[in-house]
Amino acid sequence: MATKEQMERNKKNVAAFYDLIINKKDAALARKLYMGPRYKQHNPLVKDYPEGLIEFINWLKDNHPQASSEIVRIFADGDFVICHVHSQRPPNVHRAIIEIFRCTEDGKIDEHWDVIQEVPETSANPNSMF
């Protein structure tokens, strides 16, 4: 079980990693600084291992260079870091995403899951998705 200090370190690592891959689209630096060697991927649209993520980020850079995401909330529970994210792809695509990362004992990101939901134009209630 991760200590409080390890969980705080993992949250910082995940936030920095996420900014590098999604906002700066620098998967090579993110791999070097934050990824474990096997990086197991659970998103069925992205290949396993660091190379799979790099391939996806290169696709994102080529096809949606203005895409960006903001981590609205971040939590740690043991080796897991959970992010509640607001993703934007211009001109007008907004998504609510839950990102789950598992970190190794030394703070490297080694596994990833995500759940993605489009933000509708109208809602049946007055509550924000964020």
N, C-alpha and C. Protein backbone atom coordinates (compact mmCIF):
# COMPACT_ATOMS: atom_id res chain seq x y z
N MET A 1 0.84 -1.19 0.00
CA MET A 1 0.00 0.00 0.00
C MET A 1 0.88 1.24 0.00
N ALA A 2 0.53 2.19 -0.82
CA ALA A 2 1.29 3.43 -0.94
C ALA A 2 1.12 4.30 0.30
N THR A 3 2.18 4.99 0.67
CA THR A 3 2.13 5.94 1.78
C THR A 3 1.47 7.24 1.30
N LYS A 4 1.14 8.11 2.24
CA LYS A 4 0.56 9.41 1.89
C LYS A 4 1.52 10.19 0.99
N GLU A 5 2.80 10.13 1.28
CA GLU A 5 3.80 10.84 0.48
C GLU A 5 3.87 10.26 -0.93
N GLN A 6 3.81 8.93 -1.05
CA GLN A 6 3.83 8.30 -2.37
C GLN A 6 2.59 8.68 -3.17
N MET A 7 1.43 8.73 -2.51
CA MET A 7 0.21 9.10 -3.20
C MET A 7 0.27 10.54 -3.70
N GLU A 8 0.82 11.44 -2.90
CA GLU A 8 0.97 12.84 -3.34
C GLU A 8 1.94 12.92 -4.51
N ARG A 9 3.05 12.18 -4.45
CA ARG A 9 4.01 12.14 -5.55
C ARG A 9 3.34 11.60 -6.81
N ASN A 10 2.54 10.52 -6.66
CA ASN A 10 1.87 9.93 -7.81
C ASN A 10 0.89 10.91 -8.45
N LYS A 11 0.15 11.67 -7.64
CA LYS A 11 -0.77 12.68 -8.18
C LYS A 11 0.00 13.72 -8.99
N LYS A 12 1.12 14.19 -8.45
CA LYS A 12 1.93 15.19 -9.17
C LYS A 12 2.48 14.61 -10.46
N ASN A 13 2.95 13.37 -10.41
CA ASN A 13 3.48 12.73 -11.62
C ASN A 13 2.41 12.56 -12.68
N VAL A 14 1.23 12.10 -12.28
CA VAL A 14 0.14 11.90 -13.24
C VAL A 14 -0.28 13.23 -13.84
N ALA A 15 -0.42 14.27 -13.04
CA ALA A 15 -0.82 15.58 -13.55
C ALA A 15 0.21 16.11 -14.55
N ALA A 16 1.48 15.99 -14.25
CA ALA A 16 2.53 16.45 -15.16
C ALA A 16 2.54 15.61 -16.44
N PHE A 17 2.42 14.29 -16.28
CA PHE A 17 2.36 13.37 -17.42
C PHE A 17 1.19 13.72 -18.33
N TYR A 18 0.02 13.92 -17.75
CA TYR A 18 -1.19 14.20 -18.52
C TYR A 18 -1.06 15.51 -19.30
N ASP A 19 -0.49 16.53 -18.66
CA ASP A 19 -0.28 17.81 -19.34
C ASP A 19 0.68 17.63 -20.52
N LEU A 20 1.74 16.86 -20.31
CA LEU A 20 2.70 16.63 -21.40
C LEU A 20 2.07 15.90 -22.58
N ILE A 21 1.31 14.84 -22.31
CA ILE A 21 0.79 14.07 -23.44
C ILE A 21 -0.40 14.73 -24.12
N ILE A 22 -1.31 15.31 -23.36
CA ILE A 22 -2.54 15.83 -23.95
C ILE A 22 -2.41 17.29 -24.38
N ASN A 23 -1.90 18.13 -23.53
CA ASN A 23 -1.83 19.56 -23.85
C ASN A 23 -0.59 19.93 -24.66
N LYS A 24 0.55 19.40 -24.28
CA LYS A 24 1.78 19.72 -25.00
C LYS A 24 2.07 18.72 -26.11
N LYS A 25 1.40 17.55 -26.05
CA LYS A 25 1.53 16.48 -27.04
C LYS A 25 2.99 16.06 -27.22
N ASP A 26 3.70 15.97 -26.10
CA ASP A 26 5.10 15.54 -26.09
C ASP A 26 5.20 14.17 -25.42
N ALA A 27 4.80 13.15 -26.15
CA ALA A 27 4.78 11.79 -25.61
C ALA A 27 6.19 11.27 -25.33
N ALA A 28 7.16 11.69 -26.11
CA ALA A 28 8.54 11.21 -25.90
C ALA A 28 9.06 11.66 -24.54
N LEU A 29 8.87 12.92 -24.19
CA LEU A 29 9.32 13.41 -22.88
C LEU A 29 8.50 12.78 -21.76
N ALA A 30 7.20 12.64 -21.97
CA ALA A 30 6.34 12.00 -20.96
C ALA A 30 6.80 10.58 -20.70
N ARG A 31 7.16 9.87 -21.76
CA ARG A 31 7.66 8.49 -21.60
C ARG A 31 8.94 8.48 -20.78
N LYS A 32 9.86 9.35 -21.14
CA LYS A 32 11.16 9.40 -20.47
C LYS A 32 11.02 9.72 -18.98
N LEU A 33 10.15 10.66 -18.65
CA LEU A 33 10.05 11.14 -17.27
C LEU A 33 9.10 10.32 -16.39
N TYR A 34 8.01 9.80 -16.98
CA TYR A 34 6.94 9.30 -16.13
C TYR A 34 6.43 7.89 -16.39
N MET A 35 6.75 7.28 -17.52
CA MET A 35 6.14 5.99 -17.85
C MET A 35 6.98 4.80 -17.42
N GLY A 36 6.29 3.78 -16.93
CA GLY A 36 6.93 2.51 -16.68
C GLY A 36 7.19 1.80 -18.01
N PRO A 37 8.01 0.77 -18.02
CA PRO A 37 8.41 0.13 -19.28
C PRO A 37 7.30 -0.65 -19.99
N ARG A 38 6.28 -1.09 -19.26
CA ARG A 38 5.27 -1.90 -19.93
C ARG A 38 4.01 -1.13 -20.26
N TYR A 39 3.64 -0.12 -19.52
CA TYR A 39 2.48 0.73 -19.72
C TYR A 39 1.32 -0.04 -20.35
N LYS A 40 0.59 -0.73 -19.54
CA LYS A 40 -0.55 -1.53 -19.99
C LYS A 40 -1.75 -0.61 -20.22
N GLN A 41 -2.35 -0.72 -21.41
CA GLN A 41 -3.43 0.16 -21.83
C GLN A 41 -4.76 -0.60 -21.84
N HIS A 42 -5.80 -0.01 -21.21
CA HIS A 42 -7.12 -0.64 -21.19
C HIS A 42 -8.12 0.06 -22.10
N ASN A 43 -7.75 1.18 -22.71
CA ASN A 43 -8.60 1.82 -23.71
C ASN A 43 -8.50 0.98 -24.98
N PRO A 44 -9.62 0.44 -25.48
CA PRO A 44 -9.55 -0.46 -26.63
C PRO A 44 -9.13 0.21 -27.93
N LEU A 45 -9.06 1.53 -27.96
CA LEU A 45 -8.66 2.25 -29.17
C LEU A 45 -7.16 2.55 -29.22
N VAL A 46 -6.44 2.24 -28.13
CA VAL A 46 -5.01 2.56 -28.04
C VAL A 46 -4.24 1.27 -27.79
N LYS A 47 -3.13 1.11 -28.51
CA LYS A 47 -2.31 -0.09 -28.37
C LYS A 47 -1.58 -0.09 -27.02
N ASP A 48 -1.18 -1.28 -26.60
CA ASP A 48 -0.41 -1.46 -25.36
C ASP A 48 1.00 -0.88 -25.47
N TYR A 49 1.62 -0.75 -24.31
CA TYR A 49 3.02 -0.35 -24.16
C TYR A 49 3.22 1.13 -24.48
N PRO A 50 4.35 1.69 -24.07
CA PRO A 50 4.60 3.11 -24.34
C PRO A 50 4.47 3.47 -25.83
N GLU A 51 4.87 2.57 -26.70
CA GLU A 51 4.79 2.84 -28.13
C GLU A 51 3.35 3.06 -28.59
N GLY A 52 2.41 2.33 -28.01
CA GLY A 52 1.00 2.51 -28.36
C GLY A 52 0.49 3.89 -27.99
N LEU A 53 0.87 4.35 -26.81
CA LEU A 53 0.45 5.69 -26.40
C LEU A 53 1.11 6.75 -27.27
N ILE A 54 2.37 6.57 -27.58
CA ILE A 54 3.08 7.53 -28.43
C ILE A 54 2.39 7.61 -29.80
N GLU A 55 2.02 6.46 -30.35
CA GLU A 55 1.31 6.43 -31.63
C GLU A 55 0.00 7.21 -31.54
N PHE A 56 -0.76 7.01 -30.46
CA PHE A 56 -2.02 7.73 -30.29
C PHE A 56 -1.80 9.23 -30.15
N ILE A 57 -0.82 9.63 -29.37
CA ILE A 57 -0.56 11.07 -29.18
C ILE A 57 -0.11 11.71 -30.49
N ASN A 58 0.68 10.99 -31.28
CA ASN A 58 1.06 11.52 -32.60
C ASN A 58 -0.16 11.69 -33.50
N TRP A 59 -1.12 10.73 -33.43
CA TRP A 59 -2.36 10.87 -34.17
C TRP A 59 -3.13 12.10 -33.68
N LEU A 60 -3.21 12.28 -32.36
CA LEU A 60 -3.90 13.43 -31.79
C LEU A 60 -3.25 14.73 -32.26
N LYS A 61 -1.93 14.78 -32.23
CA LYS A 61 -1.19 15.97 -32.66
C LYS A 61 -1.49 16.29 -34.13
N ASP A 62 -1.56 15.26 -34.98
CA ASP A 62 -1.81 15.46 -36.41
C ASP A 62 -3.27 15.82 -36.70
N ASN A 63 -4.20 15.22 -35.98
CA ASN A 63 -5.62 15.37 -36.29
C ASN A 63 -6.38 16.38 -35.43
N HIS A 64 -5.89 16.62 -34.23
CA HIS A 64 -6.56 17.56 -33.31
C HIS A 64 -5.50 18.35 -32.54
N PRO A 65 -4.70 19.16 -33.25
CA PRO A 65 -3.60 19.85 -32.58
C PRO A 65 -4.04 20.83 -31.49
N GLN A 66 -5.28 21.32 -31.57
CA GLN A 66 -5.77 22.28 -30.58
C GLN A 66 -6.50 21.62 -29.42
N ALA A 67 -6.58 20.29 -29.42
CA ALA A 67 -7.25 19.58 -28.32
C ALA A 67 -6.52 19.86 -27.01
N SER A 68 -7.29 20.03 -25.96
CA SER A 68 -6.70 20.28 -24.65
C SER A 68 -7.60 19.69 -23.57
N SER A 69 -7.03 19.50 -22.42
CA SER A 69 -7.78 18.95 -21.29
C SER A 69 -7.35 19.64 -20.01
N GLU A 70 -8.31 19.75 -19.11
CA GLU A 70 -8.06 20.31 -17.78
C GLU A 70 -8.47 19.27 -16.74
N ILE A 71 -7.55 18.95 -15.85
CA ILE A 71 -7.89 18.08 -14.73
C ILE A 71 -8.67 18.93 -13.74
N VAL A 72 -9.92 18.59 -13.54
CA VAL A 72 -10.80 19.34 -12.63
C VAL A 72 -10.62 18.84 -11.20
N ARG A 73 -10.48 17.52 -11.04
CA ARG A 73 -10.25 16.90 -9.73
C ARG A 73 -9.26 15.77 -9.90
N ILE A 74 -8.46 15.54 -8.85
CA ILE A 74 -7.50 14.44 -8.88
C ILE A 74 -7.46 13.79 -7.50
N PHE A 75 -7.51 12.47 -7.48
CA PHE A 75 -7.54 11.71 -6.24
C PHE A 75 -6.50 10.60 -6.31
N ALA A 76 -6.01 10.18 -5.17
CA ALA A 76 -5.13 9.02 -5.10
C ALA A 76 -5.69 8.05 -4.08
N ASP A 77 -5.61 6.78 -4.44
CA ASP A 77 -6.02 5.70 -3.55
C ASP A 77 -5.01 4.58 -3.73
N GLY A 78 -4.11 4.45 -2.80
CA GLY A 78 -3.04 3.46 -2.92
C GLY A 78 -2.20 3.77 -4.14
N ASP A 79 -2.02 2.79 -5.03
CA ASP A 79 -1.21 2.95 -6.23
C ASP A 79 -1.98 3.58 -7.38
N PHE A 80 -3.25 3.91 -7.16
CA PHE A 80 -4.11 4.43 -8.23
C PHE A 80 -4.29 5.94 -8.09
N VAL A 81 -4.30 6.61 -9.27
CA VAL A 81 -4.62 8.03 -9.34
C VAL A 81 -5.80 8.17 -10.29
N ILE A 82 -6.83 8.89 -9.83
CA ILE A 82 -8.06 9.07 -10.60
C ILE A 82 -8.22 10.56 -10.91
N CYS A 83 -8.45 10.85 -12.18
CA CYS A 83 -8.63 12.23 -12.62
C CYS A 83 -10.01 12.42 -13.23
N HIS A 84 -10.67 13.51 -12.86
CA HIS A 84 -11.92 13.94 -13.49
C HIS A 84 -11.51 15.07 -14.42
N VAL A 85 -11.71 14.88 -15.71
CA VAL A 85 -11.12 15.75 -16.73
C VAL A 85 -12.19 16.38 -17.60
N HIS A 86 -11.97 17.65 -17.96
CA HIS A 86 -12.77 18.33 -18.98
C HIS A 86 -11.90 18.43 -20.23
N SER A 87 -12.30 17.70 -21.27
CA SER A 87 -11.57 17.64 -22.53
C SER A 87 -12.29 18.50 -23.57
N GLN A 88 -11.49 19.22 -24.38
CA GLN A 88 -12.07 20.07 -25.42
C GLN A 88 -11.34 19.82 -26.74
N ARG A 89 -12.13 19.59 -27.78
CA ARG A 89 -11.60 19.50 -29.14
C ARG A 89 -12.33 20.54 -29.98
N PRO A 90 -11.62 21.59 -30.35
CA PRO A 90 -12.29 22.60 -31.19
C PRO A 90 -12.82 21.98 -32.48
N PRO A 91 -13.93 22.51 -33.02
CA PRO A 91 -14.49 23.78 -32.59
C PRO A 91 -15.42 23.68 -31.38
N ASN A 92 -16.12 22.55 -31.17
CA ASN A 92 -17.10 22.58 -30.08
C ASN A 92 -17.39 21.19 -29.51
N VAL A 93 -16.38 20.38 -29.34
CA VAL A 93 -16.58 19.06 -28.74
C VAL A 93 -16.04 19.10 -27.31
N HIS A 94 -16.91 18.83 -26.37
CA HIS A 94 -16.53 18.79 -24.96
C HIS A 94 -16.82 17.40 -24.43
N ARG A 95 -15.91 16.88 -23.60
CA ARG A 95 -16.09 15.56 -23.02
C ARG A 95 -15.75 15.60 -21.53
N ALA A 96 -16.48 14.78 -20.81
CA ALA A 96 -16.14 14.52 -19.40
C ALA A 96 -15.43 13.16 -19.41
N ILE A 97 -14.26 13.12 -18.80
CA ILE A 97 -13.45 11.90 -18.82
C ILE A 97 -13.03 11.55 -17.39
N ILE A 98 -13.11 10.27 -17.09
CA ILE A 98 -12.51 9.75 -15.87
C ILE A 98 -11.29 8.96 -16.32
N GLU A 99 -10.13 9.36 -15.87
CA GLU A 99 -8.86 8.71 -16.19
C GLU A 99 -8.39 8.01 -14.92
N ILE A 100 -7.99 6.76 -15.05
CA ILE A 100 -7.45 6.01 -13.91
C ILE A 100 -6.07 5.50 -14.29
N PHE A 101 -5.10 5.80 -13.46
CA PHE A 101 -3.72 5.37 -13.67
C PHE A 101 -3.26 4.54 -12.48
N ARG A 102 -2.47 3.50 -12.74
CA ARG A 102 -1.82 2.75 -11.67
C ARG A 102 -0.33 3.07 -11.76
N CYS A 103 0.22 3.43 -10.62
CA CYS A 103 1.64 3.79 -10.55
C CYS A 103 2.44 2.69 -9.87
N THR A 104 3.69 2.57 -10.27
CA THR A 104 4.59 1.62 -9.64
C THR A 104 5.08 2.19 -8.32
N GLU A 105 5.80 1.38 -7.58
CA GLU A 105 6.33 1.81 -6.28
C GLU A 105 7.24 3.03 -6.40
N ASP A 106 7.93 3.16 -7.53
CA ASP A 106 8.82 4.31 -7.72
C ASP A 106 8.13 5.49 -8.43
N GLY A 107 6.78 5.43 -8.56
CA GLY A 107 6.03 6.57 -9.08
C GLY A 107 5.88 6.60 -10.59
N LYS A 108 6.29 5.57 -11.30
CA LYS A 108 6.13 5.53 -12.75
C LYS A 108 4.70 5.09 -13.10
N ILE A 109 4.16 5.61 -14.17
CA ILE A 109 2.81 5.28 -14.60
C ILE A 109 2.89 4.00 -15.43
N ASP A 110 2.14 2.98 -14.98
CA ASP A 110 2.31 1.65 -15.56
C ASP A 110 1.03 1.05 -16.13
N GLU A 111 -0.12 1.70 -15.88
CA GLU A 111 -1.37 1.14 -16.37
C GLU A 111 -2.40 2.26 -16.48
N HIS A 112 -3.33 2.15 -17.46
CA HIS A 112 -4.30 3.22 -17.70
C HIS A 112 -5.65 2.67 -18.14
N TRP A 113 -6.71 3.27 -17.58
CA TRP A 113 -8.10 3.04 -17.97
C TRP A 113 -8.73 4.41 -18.19
N ASP A 114 -9.77 4.48 -19.01
CA ASP A 114 -10.54 5.72 -19.10
C ASP A 114 -11.98 5.44 -19.48
N VAL A 115 -12.84 6.36 -19.09
CA VAL A 115 -14.26 6.35 -19.44
C VAL A 115 -14.57 7.74 -19.95
N ILE A 116 -15.16 7.81 -21.16
CA ILE A 116 -15.35 9.09 -21.83
C ILE A 116 -16.84 9.30 -22.11
N GLN A 117 -17.33 10.51 -21.78
CA GLN A 117 -18.73 10.86 -22.01
C GLN A 117 -18.81 12.23 -22.68
N GLU A 118 -19.52 12.31 -23.78
CA GLU A 118 -19.73 13.60 -24.44
C GLU A 118 -20.57 14.50 -23.52
N VAL A 119 -20.25 15.78 -23.51
CA VAL A 119 -21.06 16.75 -22.77
C VAL A 119 -22.16 17.22 -23.72
N PRO A 120 -23.42 16.96 -23.39
CA PRO A 120 -24.52 17.35 -24.29
C PRO A 120 -24.76 18.86 -24.26
N GLU A 121 -25.41 19.34 -25.31
CA GLU A 121 -25.76 20.77 -25.36
C GLU A 121 -26.78 21.14 -24.31
N THR A 122 -27.70 20.22 -24.03
CA THR A 122 -28.72 20.47 -23.02
C THR A 122 -28.71 19.31 -22.03
N SER A 123 -29.23 19.58 -20.84
CA SER A 123 -29.25 18.59 -19.79
C SER A 123 -30.64 18.51 -19.16
N ALA A 124 -30.99 17.35 -18.66
CA ALA A 124 -32.27 17.18 -17.98
C ALA A 124 -32.27 17.80 -16.58
N ASN A 125 -31.07 18.23 -16.12
CA ASN A 125 -30.97 18.86 -14.80
C ASN A 125 -30.04 20.05 -14.88
N PRO A 126 -30.00 20.90 -13.85
CA PRO A 126 -29.17 22.09 -13.89
C PRO A 126 -27.73 21.87 -13.39
N ASN A 127 -27.34 20.61 -13.17
CA ASN A 127 -26.03 20.31 -12.59
C ASN A 127 -24.97 20.20 -13.67
N SER A 128 -23.81 20.75 -13.39
CA SER A 128 -22.68 20.66 -14.31
C SER A 128 -22.07 19.26 -14.27
N MET A 129 -21.45 18.86 -15.36
CA MET A 129 -20.72 17.59 -15.37
C MET A 129 -19.35 17.74 -14.69
N PHE A 130 -19.02 18.98 -14.32
CA PHE A 130 -17.73 19.25 -13.70
C PHE A 130 -17.90 19.93 -12.37
